Amino acid sequence: MPAKFRNKFRIESARKMDWDYGSNAAYFITICTKDRRCYFGEIKHNEMHLSEIGKIADQYWREIPQHFPFVRLENHVVMPNHIHGIVIIEKTDPVETQDLASLPAV
């Protein structure tokens, strides 16, 4: 039976425990809003319409390589309550990311 946290069932982490997520590889990332609230916009007539917060989230996603030059971005999509995207880590110097490589769940 899954464990409970704050009286809710939780699934086990999908993260591979013996994998270094700072390794050079492509990663499919999903970032969800708190309580899965639809802060980023809404879908009307099968089209996503970003809110002001959604536009900021989209901009910040696109700016990731400016802060982390060893990261390349592929396709991404902003949805009403989450963002999906592909992040490619391409480090040339293993020292440059030793403290930044693997972040816990935010």
N, C-alpha and C. Protein backbone atom coordinates (compact mmCIF):
# COMPACT_ATOMS: atom_id res chain seq x y z
N MET A 1 0.85 -1.18 0.00
CA MET A 1 0.00 0.00 0.00
C MET A 1 0.90 1.24 0.00
N PRO A 2 0.59 2.23 -0.84
CA PRO A 2 1.41 3.45 -0.89
C PRO A 2 1.38 4.19 0.44
N ALA A 3 2.45 4.93 0.69
CA ALA A 3 2.54 5.73 1.91
C ALA A 3 1.61 6.94 1.80
N LYS A 4 1.27 7.48 2.96
CA LYS A 4 0.46 8.69 2.98
C LYS A 4 1.29 9.86 3.48
N PHE A 5 1.02 11.04 2.94
CA PHE A 5 1.62 12.28 3.41
C PHE A 5 0.49 13.28 3.50
N ARG A 6 0.35 13.89 4.67
CA ARG A 6 -0.76 14.82 4.91
C ARG A 6 -2.10 14.19 4.54
N ASN A 7 -2.23 12.92 4.92
CA ASN A 7 -3.45 12.15 4.75
C ASN A 7 -3.82 11.89 3.29
N LYS A 8 -2.84 11.98 2.38
CA LYS A 8 -3.08 11.67 0.97
C LYS A 8 -2.12 10.57 0.56
N PHE A 9 -2.60 9.68 -0.31
CA PHE A 9 -1.72 8.64 -0.83
C PHE A 9 -0.71 9.27 -1.78
N ARG A 10 0.50 8.73 -1.74
CA ARG A 10 1.57 9.21 -2.60
C ARG A 10 2.12 8.06 -3.41
N ILE A 11 2.52 8.34 -4.63
CA ILE A 11 3.19 7.32 -5.42
C ILE A 11 4.68 7.41 -5.12
N GLU A 12 5.36 6.31 -5.33
CA GLU A 12 6.81 6.32 -5.17
C GLU A 12 7.41 7.22 -6.25
N SER A 13 8.56 7.77 -5.97
CA SER A 13 9.23 8.64 -6.92
C SER A 13 9.52 7.88 -8.21
N ALA A 14 9.36 8.56 -9.32
CA ALA A 14 9.69 7.97 -10.62
C ALA A 14 11.18 8.12 -10.92
N ARG A 15 11.89 8.80 -10.04
CA ARG A 15 13.32 9.01 -10.26
C ARG A 15 14.09 7.73 -9.99
N LYS A 16 15.05 7.43 -10.84
CA LYS A 16 15.90 6.26 -10.66
C LYS A 16 16.92 6.59 -9.58
N MET A 17 16.92 5.82 -8.53
CA MET A 17 17.72 6.16 -7.34
C MET A 17 19.23 6.12 -7.61
N ASP A 18 19.69 5.28 -8.51
CA ASP A 18 21.14 5.17 -8.73
C ASP A 18 21.61 5.97 -9.95
N TRP A 19 20.79 6.90 -10.43
CA TRP A 19 21.16 7.71 -11.60
C TRP A 19 21.58 9.09 -11.15
N ASP A 20 22.65 9.62 -11.73
CA ASP A 20 23.09 10.99 -11.47
C ASP A 20 22.39 11.90 -12.48
N TYR A 21 21.41 12.63 -12.01
CA TYR A 21 20.63 13.48 -12.90
C TYR A 21 21.39 14.72 -13.36
N GLY A 22 22.64 14.83 -13.00
CA GLY A 22 23.50 15.87 -13.55
C GLY A 22 24.31 15.35 -14.72
N SER A 23 24.13 14.08 -15.06
CA SER A 23 24.86 13.47 -16.17
C SER A 23 24.38 14.02 -17.51
N ASN A 24 25.30 14.02 -18.47
CA ASN A 24 24.94 14.42 -19.82
C ASN A 24 23.87 13.47 -20.34
N ALA A 25 22.73 14.01 -20.66
CA ALA A 25 21.61 13.22 -21.16
C ALA A 25 20.46 14.16 -21.49
N ALA A 26 19.42 13.61 -22.09
CA ALA A 26 18.19 14.36 -22.34
C ALA A 26 17.18 13.94 -21.28
N TYR A 27 16.48 14.92 -20.72
CA TYR A 27 15.52 14.66 -19.64
C TYR A 27 14.17 15.28 -20.00
N PHE A 28 13.11 14.50 -19.81
CA PHE A 28 11.75 15.01 -19.97
C PHE A 28 11.32 15.51 -18.60
N ILE A 29 11.02 16.79 -18.51
CA ILE A 29 10.73 17.45 -17.24
C ILE A 29 9.27 17.86 -17.20
N THR A 30 8.63 17.67 -16.05
CA THR A 30 7.30 18.21 -15.81
C THR A 30 7.36 19.03 -14.54
N ILE A 31 6.90 20.26 -14.61
CA ILE A 31 6.84 21.14 -13.44
C ILE A 31 5.38 21.49 -13.23
N CYS A 32 4.86 21.16 -12.05
CA CYS A 32 3.44 21.40 -11.73
C CYS A 32 3.30 22.60 -10.80
N THR A 33 2.19 23.30 -10.93
CA THR A 33 1.89 24.40 -10.01
C THR A 33 1.45 23.84 -8.66
N LYS A 34 1.55 24.66 -7.64
CA LYS A 34 1.11 24.26 -6.30
C LYS A 34 -0.38 23.92 -6.34
N ASP A 35 -0.70 22.79 -5.78
CA ASP A 35 -2.08 22.29 -5.74
C ASP A 35 -2.69 22.14 -7.13
N ARG A 36 -1.83 22.12 -8.15
CA ARG A 36 -2.26 21.97 -9.55
C ARG A 36 -3.30 23.02 -9.97
N ARG A 37 -3.14 24.21 -9.42
CA ARG A 37 -4.04 25.32 -9.78
C ARG A 37 -3.67 25.83 -11.18
N CYS A 38 -4.64 26.27 -11.91
CA CYS A 38 -4.45 26.71 -13.30
C CYS A 38 -3.98 28.17 -13.37
N TYR A 39 -2.76 28.40 -12.92
CA TYR A 39 -2.19 29.74 -12.92
C TYR A 39 -1.68 30.17 -14.29
N PHE A 40 -1.32 29.21 -15.14
CA PHE A 40 -0.61 29.53 -16.37
C PHE A 40 -1.52 29.90 -17.53
N GLY A 41 -2.82 29.73 -17.38
CA GLY A 41 -3.73 30.09 -18.45
C GLY A 41 -4.86 29.09 -18.57
N GLU A 42 -5.48 29.09 -19.75
CA GLU A 42 -6.61 28.18 -19.98
C GLU A 42 -6.65 27.75 -21.44
N ILE A 43 -7.30 26.64 -21.66
CA ILE A 43 -7.46 26.13 -23.02
C ILE A 43 -8.85 26.51 -23.51
N LYS A 44 -8.88 27.21 -24.64
CA LYS A 44 -10.14 27.60 -25.29
C LYS A 44 -10.08 27.14 -26.74
N HIS A 45 -11.12 26.44 -27.18
CA HIS A 45 -11.19 25.96 -28.57
C HIS A 45 -9.92 25.20 -28.95
N ASN A 46 -9.49 24.31 -28.05
CA ASN A 46 -8.30 23.46 -28.27
C ASN A 46 -7.00 24.25 -28.44
N GLU A 47 -6.95 25.46 -27.90
CA GLU A 47 -5.74 26.29 -27.99
C GLU A 47 -5.41 26.84 -26.61
N MET A 48 -4.13 26.79 -26.25
CA MET A 48 -3.68 27.30 -24.95
C MET A 48 -3.55 28.81 -25.02
N HIS A 49 -4.17 29.50 -24.05
CA HIS A 49 -4.07 30.95 -23.92
C HIS A 49 -3.37 31.23 -22.60
N LEU A 50 -2.14 31.74 -22.69
CA LEU A 50 -1.34 31.99 -21.50
C LEU A 50 -1.85 33.19 -20.72
N SER A 51 -1.87 33.05 -19.41
CA SER A 51 -2.12 34.19 -18.53
C SER A 51 -0.82 34.98 -18.42
N GLU A 52 -0.84 36.08 -17.70
CA GLU A 52 0.41 36.84 -17.49
C GLU A 52 1.44 35.97 -16.77
N ILE A 53 1.00 35.20 -15.80
CA ILE A 53 1.92 34.29 -15.08
C ILE A 53 2.42 33.22 -16.04
N GLY A 54 1.56 32.72 -16.90
CA GLY A 54 1.97 31.73 -17.89
C GLY A 54 3.01 32.27 -18.85
N LYS A 55 2.87 33.53 -19.24
CA LYS A 55 3.86 34.17 -20.12
C LYS A 55 5.21 34.28 -19.41
N ILE A 56 5.18 34.58 -18.13
CA ILE A 56 6.42 34.66 -17.35
C ILE A 56 7.05 33.28 -17.23
N ALA A 57 6.24 32.26 -16.96
CA ALA A 57 6.76 30.89 -16.87
C ALA A 57 7.41 30.48 -18.19
N ASP A 58 6.76 30.80 -19.30
CA ASP A 58 7.30 30.48 -20.62
C ASP A 58 8.63 31.21 -20.85
N GLN A 59 8.68 32.48 -20.50
CA GLN A 59 9.90 33.27 -20.66
C GLN A 59 11.03 32.69 -19.81
N TYR A 60 10.74 32.38 -18.55
CA TYR A 60 11.77 31.84 -17.66
C TYR A 60 12.27 30.49 -18.15
N TRP A 61 11.37 29.68 -18.69
CA TRP A 61 11.82 28.39 -19.25
C TRP A 61 12.82 28.65 -20.38
N ARG A 62 12.48 29.57 -21.28
CA ARG A 62 13.35 29.85 -22.43
C ARG A 62 14.70 30.43 -22.00
N GLU A 63 14.75 31.07 -20.83
CA GLU A 63 15.98 31.70 -20.36
C GLU A 63 16.90 30.75 -19.60
N ILE A 64 16.49 29.52 -19.37
CA ILE A 64 17.32 28.57 -18.62
C ILE A 64 18.75 28.50 -19.17
N PRO A 65 18.97 28.39 -20.49
CA PRO A 65 20.35 28.30 -20.99
C PRO A 65 21.20 29.54 -20.70
N GLN A 66 20.57 30.69 -20.48
CA GLN A 66 21.33 31.89 -20.14
C GLN A 66 21.95 31.76 -18.74
N HIS A 67 21.31 31.00 -17.89
CA HIS A 67 21.80 30.80 -16.52
C HIS A 67 22.65 29.55 -16.40
N PHE A 68 22.41 28.58 -17.26
CA PHE A 68 23.12 27.31 -17.24
C PHE A 68 23.58 27.01 -18.67
N PRO A 69 24.76 27.50 -19.06
CA PRO A 69 25.20 27.39 -20.45
C PRO A 69 25.39 25.95 -20.93
N PHE A 70 25.47 25.01 -20.03
CA PHE A 70 25.63 23.60 -20.40
C PHE A 70 24.29 22.93 -20.67
N VAL A 71 23.19 23.71 -20.63
CA VAL A 71 21.85 23.17 -20.87
C VAL A 71 21.33 23.67 -22.22
N ARG A 72 20.78 22.73 -22.99
CA ARG A 72 20.12 23.06 -24.24
C ARG A 72 18.66 22.62 -24.10
N LEU A 73 17.76 23.43 -24.60
CA LEU A 73 16.34 23.12 -24.52
C LEU A 73 15.82 22.62 -25.85
N GLU A 74 14.95 21.65 -25.78
CA GLU A 74 14.21 21.20 -26.96
C GLU A 74 12.77 21.66 -26.77
N ASN A 75 11.83 20.98 -27.34
CA ASN A 75 10.42 21.39 -27.28
C ASN A 75 9.92 21.50 -25.84
N HIS A 76 9.00 22.44 -25.65
CA HIS A 76 8.32 22.55 -24.36
C HIS A 76 6.90 23.04 -24.63
N VAL A 77 6.04 22.83 -23.65
CA VAL A 77 4.67 23.30 -23.75
C VAL A 77 4.21 23.74 -22.36
N VAL A 78 3.58 24.90 -22.32
CA VAL A 78 3.00 25.40 -21.07
C VAL A 78 1.52 25.05 -21.10
N MET A 79 1.07 24.34 -20.09
CA MET A 79 -0.33 23.95 -19.95
C MET A 79 -0.92 24.75 -18.79
N PRO A 80 -2.23 24.68 -18.56
CA PRO A 80 -2.83 25.52 -17.51
C PRO A 80 -2.21 25.35 -16.12
N ASN A 81 -1.79 24.13 -15.77
CA ASN A 81 -1.26 23.93 -14.42
C ASN A 81 0.08 23.21 -14.39
N HIS A 82 0.75 23.12 -15.54
CA HIS A 82 2.06 22.50 -15.56
C HIS A 82 2.80 22.85 -16.85
N ILE A 83 4.10 22.55 -16.83
CA ILE A 83 4.95 22.74 -18.00
C ILE A 83 5.63 21.41 -18.28
N HIS A 84 5.66 21.01 -19.55
CA HIS A 84 6.44 19.86 -19.99
C HIS A 84 7.57 20.40 -20.86
N GLY A 85 8.74 19.82 -20.74
CA GLY A 85 9.82 20.23 -21.61
C GLY A 85 10.95 19.23 -21.61
N ILE A 86 11.79 19.33 -22.62
CA ILE A 86 12.97 18.47 -22.73
C ILE A 86 14.20 19.34 -22.50
N VAL A 87 15.00 18.90 -21.53
CA VAL A 87 16.24 19.58 -21.17
C VAL A 87 17.39 18.64 -21.53
N ILE A 88 18.38 19.16 -22.23
CA ILE A 88 19.54 18.36 -22.58
C ILE A 88 20.76 18.95 -21.88
N ILE A 89 21.40 18.14 -21.07
CA ILE A 89 22.62 18.56 -20.37
C ILE A 89 23.80 18.12 -21.21
N GLU A 90 24.67 19.09 -21.53
CA GLU A 90 25.84 18.84 -22.36
C GLU A 90 27.06 19.48 -21.70
N LYS A 91 27.50 18.90 -20.61
CA LYS A 91 28.66 19.43 -19.90
C LYS A 91 29.94 19.01 -20.60
N THR A 92 30.89 19.93 -20.63
CA THR A 92 32.21 19.59 -21.14
C THR A 92 33.21 19.49 -20.00
N ASP A 93 32.93 20.16 -18.91
CA ASP A 93 33.81 20.16 -17.74
C ASP A 93 33.01 19.67 -16.54
N PRO A 94 33.31 18.48 -16.00
CA PRO A 94 32.51 17.95 -14.89
C PRO A 94 32.54 18.81 -13.63
N VAL A 95 33.54 19.67 -13.48
CA VAL A 95 33.63 20.51 -12.29
C VAL A 95 32.62 21.65 -12.34
N GLU A 96 32.27 22.11 -13.53
CA GLU A 96 31.42 23.29 -13.65
C GLU A 96 30.04 23.11 -13.06
N THR A 97 29.57 21.88 -12.89
CA THR A 97 28.21 21.67 -12.41
C THR A 97 28.13 20.79 -11.17
N GLN A 98 29.23 20.54 -10.52
CA GLN A 98 29.18 19.56 -9.44
C GLN A 98 28.21 19.95 -8.33
N ASP A 99 27.98 21.23 -8.09
CA ASP A 99 27.04 21.64 -7.04
C ASP A 99 25.66 21.98 -7.59
N LEU A 100 25.49 22.00 -8.89
CA LEU A 100 24.22 22.39 -9.49
C LEU A 100 23.52 21.24 -10.20
N ALA A 101 24.20 20.13 -10.32
CA ALA A 101 23.75 19.09 -11.23
C ALA A 101 22.40 18.49 -10.91
N SER A 102 22.18 18.07 -9.72
CA SER A 102 20.96 17.33 -9.43
C SER A 102 20.16 18.03 -8.36
N LEU A 103 19.05 18.61 -8.76
CA LEU A 103 18.21 19.34 -7.82
C LEU A 103 17.11 18.44 -7.29
N PRO A 104 16.74 18.59 -6.02
CA PRO A 104 15.62 17.81 -5.48
C PRO A 104 14.32 18.32 -6.08
N ALA A 105 13.27 17.60 -5.82
CA ALA A 105 11.95 18.06 -6.27
C ALA A 105 11.68 19.42 -5.66
N VAL A 106 11.18 20.34 -6.47
CA VAL A 106 10.92 21.70 -6.01
C VAL A 106 9.46 21.85 -5.69
